[in-house]
Amino acid sequence: MLQLKYSQHLLETGTDEAGRGCLSGPVVAAAVILPENFKHDFLNDSKQLSEKKREELRPYIEKHAISYAVAFVNHQEVDEINVLQASITAMHRAIAQLSPQPEFIIVDGNKFNPYLEIPHETIVKGDAKFMSIAAASILAKTYRDEYMAKIHQEYPQYNWQKNKGYPTKEHREAIREFGITPFHRKTFKLLPEQLKLNL
């Protein structure tokens, strides 16, 4: 059973990201402040839900949240600052767009950089414990999936609308056959045998 809040603050935001382990595309984060009376029958960590359920939840969350925001850090920035910093940067960008600004931040995972002077708490598997983090995970995932389906049109051979840029066997085979696209993260190990290449 998900809890509504971690702190006693009225305006508590949950934040989470999607796309950290992908070989291509952006890291996307969302931040959500939910009202005291928020409830939904099947709200859960986005990884536990089908795509259909996530798509159903997204408008419900957007309609009922006190405030929500989604932010992207593109693949070039991921290469420049590393994927952990990209995740935290995306979360900061999402929180910065919230209005009203939160009084407390709960973060999925165990790494975060302080945002302004707002107190925060990192929570491992927070998306399976707190509603606002679960809601943020759903928004981050659905917005990112939508973006990957869009760039799939340009590069259909990688089948991003299905694998979303994750390192599936099919995705790696396409990289081996067709090379990389402008959307691939060059600092990631795109093929297992990169270790053996004499670069």
C-alpha atoms as a PDB file:
ATOM      1  CA  MET A   1       0.000   0.000   0.000  1.00  0.00           C
ATOM      2  CA  LEU A   2       1.552   3.293  -1.073  1.00  0.00           C
ATOM      3  CA  GLN A   3       1.767   6.106   1.448  1.00  0.00           C
ATOM      4  CA  LEU A   4       0.771   9.622   0.495  1.00  0.00           C
ATOM      5  CA  LYS A   5       3.609  11.390   2.294  1.00  0.00           C
ATOM      6  CA  TYR A   6       6.969  11.091   3.950  1.00  0.00           C
ATOM      7  CA  SER A   7       7.100  14.441   5.772  1.00  0.00           C
ATOM      8  CA  GLN A   8       4.622  16.628   7.622  1.00  0.00           C
ATOM      9  CA  HIS A   9       4.921  19.363   5.002  1.00  0.00           C
ATOM     10  CA  LEU A  10       1.819  20.258   3.061  1.00  0.00           C
ATOM     11  CA  LEU A  11       3.708  20.771  -0.193  1.00  0.00           C
ATOM     12  CA  GLU A  12       5.852  17.673  -0.611  1.00  0.00           C
ATOM     13  CA  THR A  13       7.028  16.707  -4.089  1.00  0.00           C
ATOM     14  CA  GLY A  14       8.104  13.278  -5.228  1.00  0.00           C
ATOM     15  CA  THR A  15      10.608  13.036  -8.070  1.00  0.00           C
ATOM     16  CA  ASP A  16      11.862  10.190 -10.245  1.00  0.00           C
ATOM     17  CA  GLU A  17      13.552   9.633 -13.596  1.00  0.00           C
ATOM     18  CA  ALA A  18      13.331   7.266 -16.561  1.00  0.00           C
ATOM     19  CA  GLY A  19      15.884   6.190 -19.129  1.00  0.00           C
ATOM     20  CA  ARG A  20      19.052   5.938 -17.080  1.00  0.00           C
ATOM     21  CA  GLY A  21      20.060   2.529 -18.410  1.00  0.00           C
ATOM     22  CA  CYS A  22      19.291   3.272 -22.067  1.00  0.00           C
ATOM     23  CA  LEU A  23      21.808   3.349 -24.914  1.00  0.00           C
ATOM     24  CA  SER A  24      19.977   6.139 -26.732  1.00  0.00           C
ATOM     25  CA  GLY A  25      17.691   9.070 -26.088  1.00  0.00           C
ATOM     26  CA  PRO A  26      17.285  11.409 -23.113  1.00  0.00           C
ATOM     27  CA  VAL A  27      16.987  10.968 -19.378  1.00  0.00           C
ATOM     28  CA  VAL A  28      13.563  12.291 -18.368  1.00  0.00           C
ATOM     29  CA  ALA A  29      12.470  13.247 -14.858  1.00  0.00           C
ATOM     30  CA  ALA A  30       9.188  14.346 -13.363  1.00  0.00           C
ATOM     31  CA  ALA A  31       8.198  15.984 -10.088  1.00  0.00           C
ATOM     32  CA  VAL A  32       4.674  15.798  -8.671  1.00  0.00           C
ATOM     33  CA  ILE A  33       2.930  17.434  -5.698  1.00  0.00           C
ATOM     34  CA  LEU A  34      -0.259  15.557  -4.814  1.00  0.00           C
ATOM     35  CA  PRO A  35      -3.183  16.850  -2.749  1.00  0.00           C
ATOM     36  CA  GLU A  36      -3.990  15.408   0.683  1.00  0.00           C
ATOM     37  CA  ASN A  37      -7.038  13.530  -0.626  1.00  0.00           C
ATOM     38  CA  PHE A  38      -5.344  11.919  -3.649  1.00  0.00           C
ATOM     39  CA  LYS A  39      -6.087   8.279  -4.321  1.00  0.00           C
ATOM     40  CA  HIS A  40      -6.158   5.896  -7.240  1.00  0.00           C
ATOM     41  CA  ASP A  41      -6.847   2.164  -7.332  1.00  0.00           C
ATOM     42  CA  PHE A  42      -3.823   0.966  -9.241  1.00  0.00           C
ATOM     43  CA  LEU A  43      -1.222   3.718  -8.825  1.00  0.00           C
ATOM     44  CA  ASN A  44       2.141   1.978  -8.383  1.00  0.00           C
ATOM     45  CA  ASP A  45       5.767   2.130  -9.447  1.00  0.00           C
ATOM     46  CA  SER A  46       5.671   2.542 -13.263  1.00  0.00           C
ATOM     47  CA  LYS A  47       7.783  -0.595 -13.766  1.00  0.00           C
ATOM     48  CA  GLN A  48       5.003  -2.667 -12.145  1.00  0.00           C
ATOM     49  CA  LEU A  49       2.342  -1.342 -14.524  1.00  0.00           C
ATOM     50  CA  SER A  50       1.478  -2.153 -18.120  1.00  0.00           C
ATOM     51  CA  GLU A  51       1.917   0.547 -20.750  1.00  0.00           C
ATOM     52  CA  LYS A  52      -1.884   0.777 -21.018  1.00  0.00           C
ATOM     53  CA  LYS A  53      -2.236   1.401 -17.263  1.00  0.00           C
ATOM     54  CA  ARG A  54       0.510   4.054 -17.329  1.00  0.00           C
ATOM     55  CA  GLU A  55      -1.212   5.807 -20.229  1.00  0.00           C
ATOM     56  CA  GLU A  56      -4.474   5.747 -18.285  1.00  0.00           C
ATOM     57  CA  LEU A  57      -2.840   7.141 -15.137  1.00  0.00           C
ATOM     58  CA  ARG A  58      -0.972  10.003 -16.799  1.00  0.00           C
ATOM     59  CA  PRO A  59      -3.998  12.298 -17.469  1.00  0.00           C
ATOM     60  CA  TYR A  60      -5.468  11.401 -14.058  1.00  0.00           C
ATOM     61  CA  ILE A  61      -2.260  12.478 -12.302  1.00  0.00           C
ATOM     62  CA  GLU A  62      -1.994  15.638 -14.401  1.00  0.00           C
ATOM     63  CA  LYS A  63      -5.586  16.567 -13.657  1.00  0.00           C
ATOM     64  CA  HIS A  64      -5.481  15.931  -9.899  1.00  0.00           C
ATOM     65  CA  ALA A  65      -1.951  17.003  -8.932  1.00  0.00           C
ATOM     66  CA  ILE A  66      -1.469  20.349  -7.184  1.00  0.00           C
ATOM     67  CA  SER A  67       1.491  20.770  -9.528  1.00  0.00           C
ATOM     68  CA  TYR A  68       3.576  18.587 -11.823  1.00  0.00           C
ATOM     69  CA  ALA A  69       6.445  19.090 -14.260  1.00  0.00           C
ATOM     70  CA  VAL A  70       8.548  17.009 -16.631  1.00  0.00           C
ATOM     71  CA  ALA A  71      12.111  17.790 -17.761  1.00  0.00           C
ATOM     72  CA  PHE A  72      14.498  16.294 -20.321  1.00  0.00           C
ATOM     73  CA  VAL A  73      18.285  15.997 -20.333  1.00  0.00           C
ATOM     74  CA  ASN A  74      19.295  14.997 -23.852  1.00  0.00           C
ATOM     75  CA  HIS A  75      21.772  12.309 -24.866  1.00  0.00           C
ATOM     76  CA  GLN A  76      24.569  14.838 -25.524  1.00  0.00           C
ATOM     77  CA  GLU A  77      24.281  16.218 -22.004  1.00  0.00           C
ATOM     78  CA  VAL A  78      24.224  12.656 -20.645  1.00  0.00           C
ATOM     79  CA  ASP A  79      27.581  12.081 -22.389  1.00  0.00           C
ATOM     80  CA  GLU A  80      28.967  15.371 -21.082  1.00  0.00           C
ATOM     81  CA  ILE A  81      27.993  15.152 -17.410  1.00  0.00           C
ATOM     82  CA  ASN A  82      27.464  11.351 -16.907  1.00  0.00           C
ATOM     83  CA  VAL A  83      24.157   9.596 -16.405  1.00  0.00           C
ATOM     84  CA  LEU A  84      23.882  10.029 -12.626  1.00  0.00           C
ATOM     85  CA  GLN A  85      24.362  13.807 -12.874  1.00  0.00           C
ATOM     86  CA  ALA A  86      21.971  13.850 -15.842  1.00  0.00           C
ATOM     87  CA  SER A  87      19.301  12.150 -13.687  1.00  0.00           C
ATOM     88  CA  ILE A  88      19.763  14.644 -10.855  1.00  0.00           C
ATOM     89  CA  THR A  89      19.855  17.587 -13.297  1.00  0.00           C
ATOM     90  CA  ALA A  90      16.591  16.410 -14.880  1.00  0.00           C
ATOM     91  CA  MET A  91      14.990  16.162 -11.411  1.00  0.00           C
ATOM     92  CA  HIS A  92      16.188  19.671 -10.508  1.00  0.00           C
ATOM     93  CA  ARG A  93      14.789  21.038 -13.785  1.00  0.00           C
ATOM     94  CA  ALA A  94      11.430  19.407 -13.124  1.00  0.00           C
ATOM     95  CA  ILE A  95      11.276  20.714  -9.529  1.00  0.00           C
ATOM     96  CA  ALA A  96      12.218  24.218 -10.726  1.00  0.00           C
ATOM     97  CA  GLN A  97       9.082  24.298 -12.886  1.00  0.00           C
ATOM     98  CA  LEU A  98       6.688  23.461 -10.029  1.00  0.00           C
ATOM     99  CA  SER A  99       4.335  26.157  -8.906  1.00  0.00           C
ATOM    100  CA  PRO A 100       3.927  26.423  -5.982  1.00  0.00           C
ATOM    101  CA  GLN A 101       7.462  25.353  -5.102  1.00  0.00           C
ATOM    102  CA  PRO A 102       7.631  22.397  -2.673  1.00  0.00           C
ATOM    103  CA  GLU A 103       8.606  22.626   0.990  1.00  0.00           C
ATOM    104  CA  PHE A 104      10.064  19.109   0.998  1.00  0.00           C
ATOM    105  CA  ILE A 105      11.433  16.785  -1.718  1.00  0.00           C
ATOM    106  CA  ILE A 106      11.376  12.987  -1.716  1.00  0.00           C
ATOM    107  CA  VAL A 107      13.612  11.334  -4.290  1.00  0.00           C
ATOM    108  CA  ASP A 108      13.582   7.822  -5.708  1.00  0.00           C
ATOM    109  CA  GLY A 109      16.987   6.201  -5.198  1.00  0.00           C
ATOM    110  CA  ASN A 110      19.936   7.007  -2.970  1.00  0.00           C
ATOM    111  CA  LYS A 111      21.642   9.906  -4.770  1.00  0.00           C
ATOM    112  CA  PHE A 112      20.583  13.528  -5.007  1.00  0.00           C
ATOM    113  CA  ASN A 113      22.198  16.959  -4.880  1.00  0.00           C
ATOM    114  CA  PRO A 114      20.464  19.537  -2.643  1.00  0.00           C
ATOM    115  CA  TYR A 115      18.034  21.741  -4.542  1.00  0.00           C
ATOM    116  CA  LEU A 116      18.081  25.357  -3.319  1.00  0.00           C
ATOM    117  CA  GLU A 117      17.466  25.309   0.448  1.00  0.00           C
ATOM    118  CA  ILE A 118      14.608  22.796   0.283  1.00  0.00           C
ATOM    119  CA  PRO A 119      15.098  19.785   2.597  1.00  0.00           C
ATOM    120  CA  HIS A 120      15.060  16.399   0.871  1.00  0.00           C
ATOM    121  CA  GLU A 121      15.155  12.688   1.571  1.00  0.00           C
ATOM    122  CA  THR A 122      16.340   9.926  -0.780  1.00  0.00           C
ATOM    123  CA  ILE A 123      14.305   6.717  -0.607  1.00  0.00           C
ATOM    124  CA  VAL A 124      15.469   3.457  -2.178  1.00  0.00           C
ATOM    125  CA  LYS A 125      12.566   1.910  -4.117  1.00  0.00           C
ATOM    126  CA  GLY A 126      10.600   5.055  -3.268  1.00  0.00           C
ATOM    127  CA  ASP A 127       8.426   4.571  -6.358  1.00  0.00           C
ATOM    128  CA  ALA A 128       6.962   1.473  -4.674  1.00  0.00           C
ATOM    129  CA  LYS A 129       6.445   3.266  -1.324  1.00  0.00           C
ATOM    130  CA  PHE A 130       5.147   6.802  -1.927  1.00  0.00           C
ATOM    131  CA  MET A 131       2.385   7.997  -4.220  1.00  0.00           C
ATOM    132  CA  SER A 132       4.095  11.176  -5.410  1.00  0.00           C
ATOM    133  CA  ILE A 133       7.244   9.286  -6.448  1.00  0.00           C
ATOM    134  CA  ALA A 134       5.116   6.620  -8.176  1.00  0.00           C
ATOM    135  CA  ALA A 135       3.208   9.387  -9.977  1.00  0.00           C
ATOM    136  CA  ALA A 136       6.496  11.039 -11.014  1.00  0.00           C
ATOM    137  CA  SER A 137       7.816   7.682 -12.286  1.00  0.00           C
ATOM    138  CA  ILE A 138       4.706   7.290 -14.450  1.00  0.00           C
ATOM    139  CA  LEU A 139       4.982  10.774 -15.957  1.00  0.00           C
ATOM    140  CA  ALA A 140       8.725  10.430 -16.593  1.00  0.00           C
ATOM    141  CA  LYS A 141       8.232   7.043 -18.244  1.00  0.00           C
ATOM    142  CA  THR A 142       5.239   7.985 -20.422  1.00  0.00           C
ATOM    143  CA  TYR A 143       6.807  11.245 -21.646  1.00  0.00           C
ATOM    144  CA  ARG A 144      10.060   9.468 -22.431  1.00  0.00           C
ATOM    145  CA  ASP A 145       8.285   6.586 -24.207  1.00  0.00           C
ATOM    146  CA  GLU A 146       6.374   9.111 -26.317  1.00  0.00           C
ATOM    147  CA  TYR A 147       9.632  10.815 -27.308  1.00  0.00           C
ATOM    148  CA  MET A 148      11.297   7.490 -28.197  1.00  0.00           C
ATOM    149  CA  ALA A 149       8.298   6.529 -30.350  1.00  0.00           C
ATOM    150  CA  LYS A 150       8.682   9.875 -32.153  1.00  0.00           C
ATOM    151  CA  ILE A 151      12.398   9.447 -32.946  1.00  0.00           C
ATOM    152  CA  HIS A 152      11.656   5.819 -33.889  1.00  0.00           C
ATOM    153  CA  GLN A 153      10.018   7.272 -37.029  1.00  0.00           C
ATOM    154  CA  GLU A 154      13.423   8.600 -38.112  1.00  0.00           C
ATOM    155  CA  TYR A 155      15.338   5.417 -37.275  1.00  0.00           C
ATOM    156  CA  PRO A 156      12.852   2.528 -37.397  1.00  0.00           C
ATOM    157  CA  GLN A 157      15.568  -0.138 -37.736  1.00  0.00           C
ATOM    158  CA  TYR A 158      16.400   0.167 -34.001  1.00  0.00           C
ATOM    159  CA  ASN A 159      12.763  -0.427 -32.975  1.00  0.00           C
ATOM    160  CA  TRP A 160      12.837   2.234 -30.242  1.00  0.00           C
ATOM    161  CA  GLN A 161       9.064   2.315 -30.045  1.00  0.00           C
ATOM    162  CA  LYS A 162       9.327  -1.165 -28.553  1.00  0.00           C
ATOM    163  CA  ASN A 163      12.672  -1.245 -26.674  1.00  0.00           C
ATOM    164  CA  LYS A 164      12.665   2.515 -25.820  1.00  0.00           C
ATOM    165  CA  GLY A 165      16.429   2.631 -26.254  1.00  0.00           C
ATOM    166  CA  TYR A 166      17.205  -0.039 -23.647  1.00  0.00           C
ATOM    167  CA  PRO A 167      20.032  -2.497 -24.436  1.00  0.00           C
ATOM    168  CA  THR A 168      17.930  -5.355 -25.779  1.00  0.00           C
ATOM    169  CA  LYS A 169      19.489  -8.003 -28.021  1.00  0.00           C
ATOM    170  CA  GLU A 170      17.540  -6.543 -30.967  1.00  0.00           C
ATOM    171  CA  HIS A 171      18.790  -3.010 -30.258  1.00  0.00           C
ATOM    172  CA  ARG A 172      22.408  -4.182 -30.031  1.00  0.00           C
ATOM    173  CA  GLU A 173      22.056  -6.199 -33.268  1.00  0.00           C
ATOM    174  CA  ALA A 174      20.799  -3.060 -35.033  1.00  0.00           C
ATOM    175  CA  ILE A 175      23.788  -1.064 -33.720  1.00  0.00           C
ATOM    176  CA  ARG A 176      26.112  -3.798 -34.989  1.00  0.00           C
ATOM    177  CA  GLU A 177      24.429  -3.779 -38.402  1.00  0.00           C
ATOM    178  CA  PHE A 178      23.665  -0.087 -38.955  1.00  0.00           C
ATOM    179  CA  GLY A 179      26.092   1.709 -36.621  1.00  0.00           C
ATOM    180  CA  ILE A 180      24.990   4.434 -34.251  1.00  0.00           C
ATOM    181  CA  THR A 181      22.603   7.350 -34.710  1.00  0.00           C
ATOM    182  CA  PRO A 182      22.885  10.960 -33.490  1.00  0.00           C
ATOM    183  CA  PHE A 183      20.637   9.877 -30.570  1.00  0.00           C
ATOM    184  CA  HIS A 184      22.994   7.232 -29.179  1.00  0.00           C
ATOM    185  CA  ARG A 185      24.997   7.929 -26.014  1.00  0.00           C
ATOM    186  CA  LYS A 186      28.619   7.703 -27.045  1.00  0.00           C
ATOM    187  CA  THR A 187      29.964   7.203 -23.500  1.00  0.00           C
ATOM    188  CA  PHE A 188      27.891   4.032 -23.041  1.00  0.00           C
ATOM    189  CA  LYS A 189      29.074   0.542 -23.899  1.00  0.00           C
ATOM    190  CA  LEU A 190      26.898   0.138 -26.969  1.00  0.00           C
ATOM    191  CA  LEU A 191      28.217  -3.297 -27.898  1.00  0.00           C
ATOM    192  CA  PRO A 192      29.609  -5.922 -25.503  1.00  0.00           C
ATOM    193  CA  GLU A 193      32.722  -6.463 -27.619  1.00  0.00           C
ATOM    194  CA  GLN A 194      33.714  -2.794 -27.455  1.00  0.00           C
ATOM    195  CA  LEU A 195      36.106  -3.969 -24.769  1.00  0.00           C
ATOM    196  CA  LYS A 196      38.079  -5.891 -27.381  1.00  0.00           C
ATOM    197  CA  LEU A 197      38.277  -3.121 -29.986  1.00  0.00           C
ATOM    198  CA  ASN A 198      41.675  -1.530 -30.450  1.00  0.00           C
ATOM    199  CA  LEU A 199      40.484   2.047 -30.387  1.00  0.00           C
END
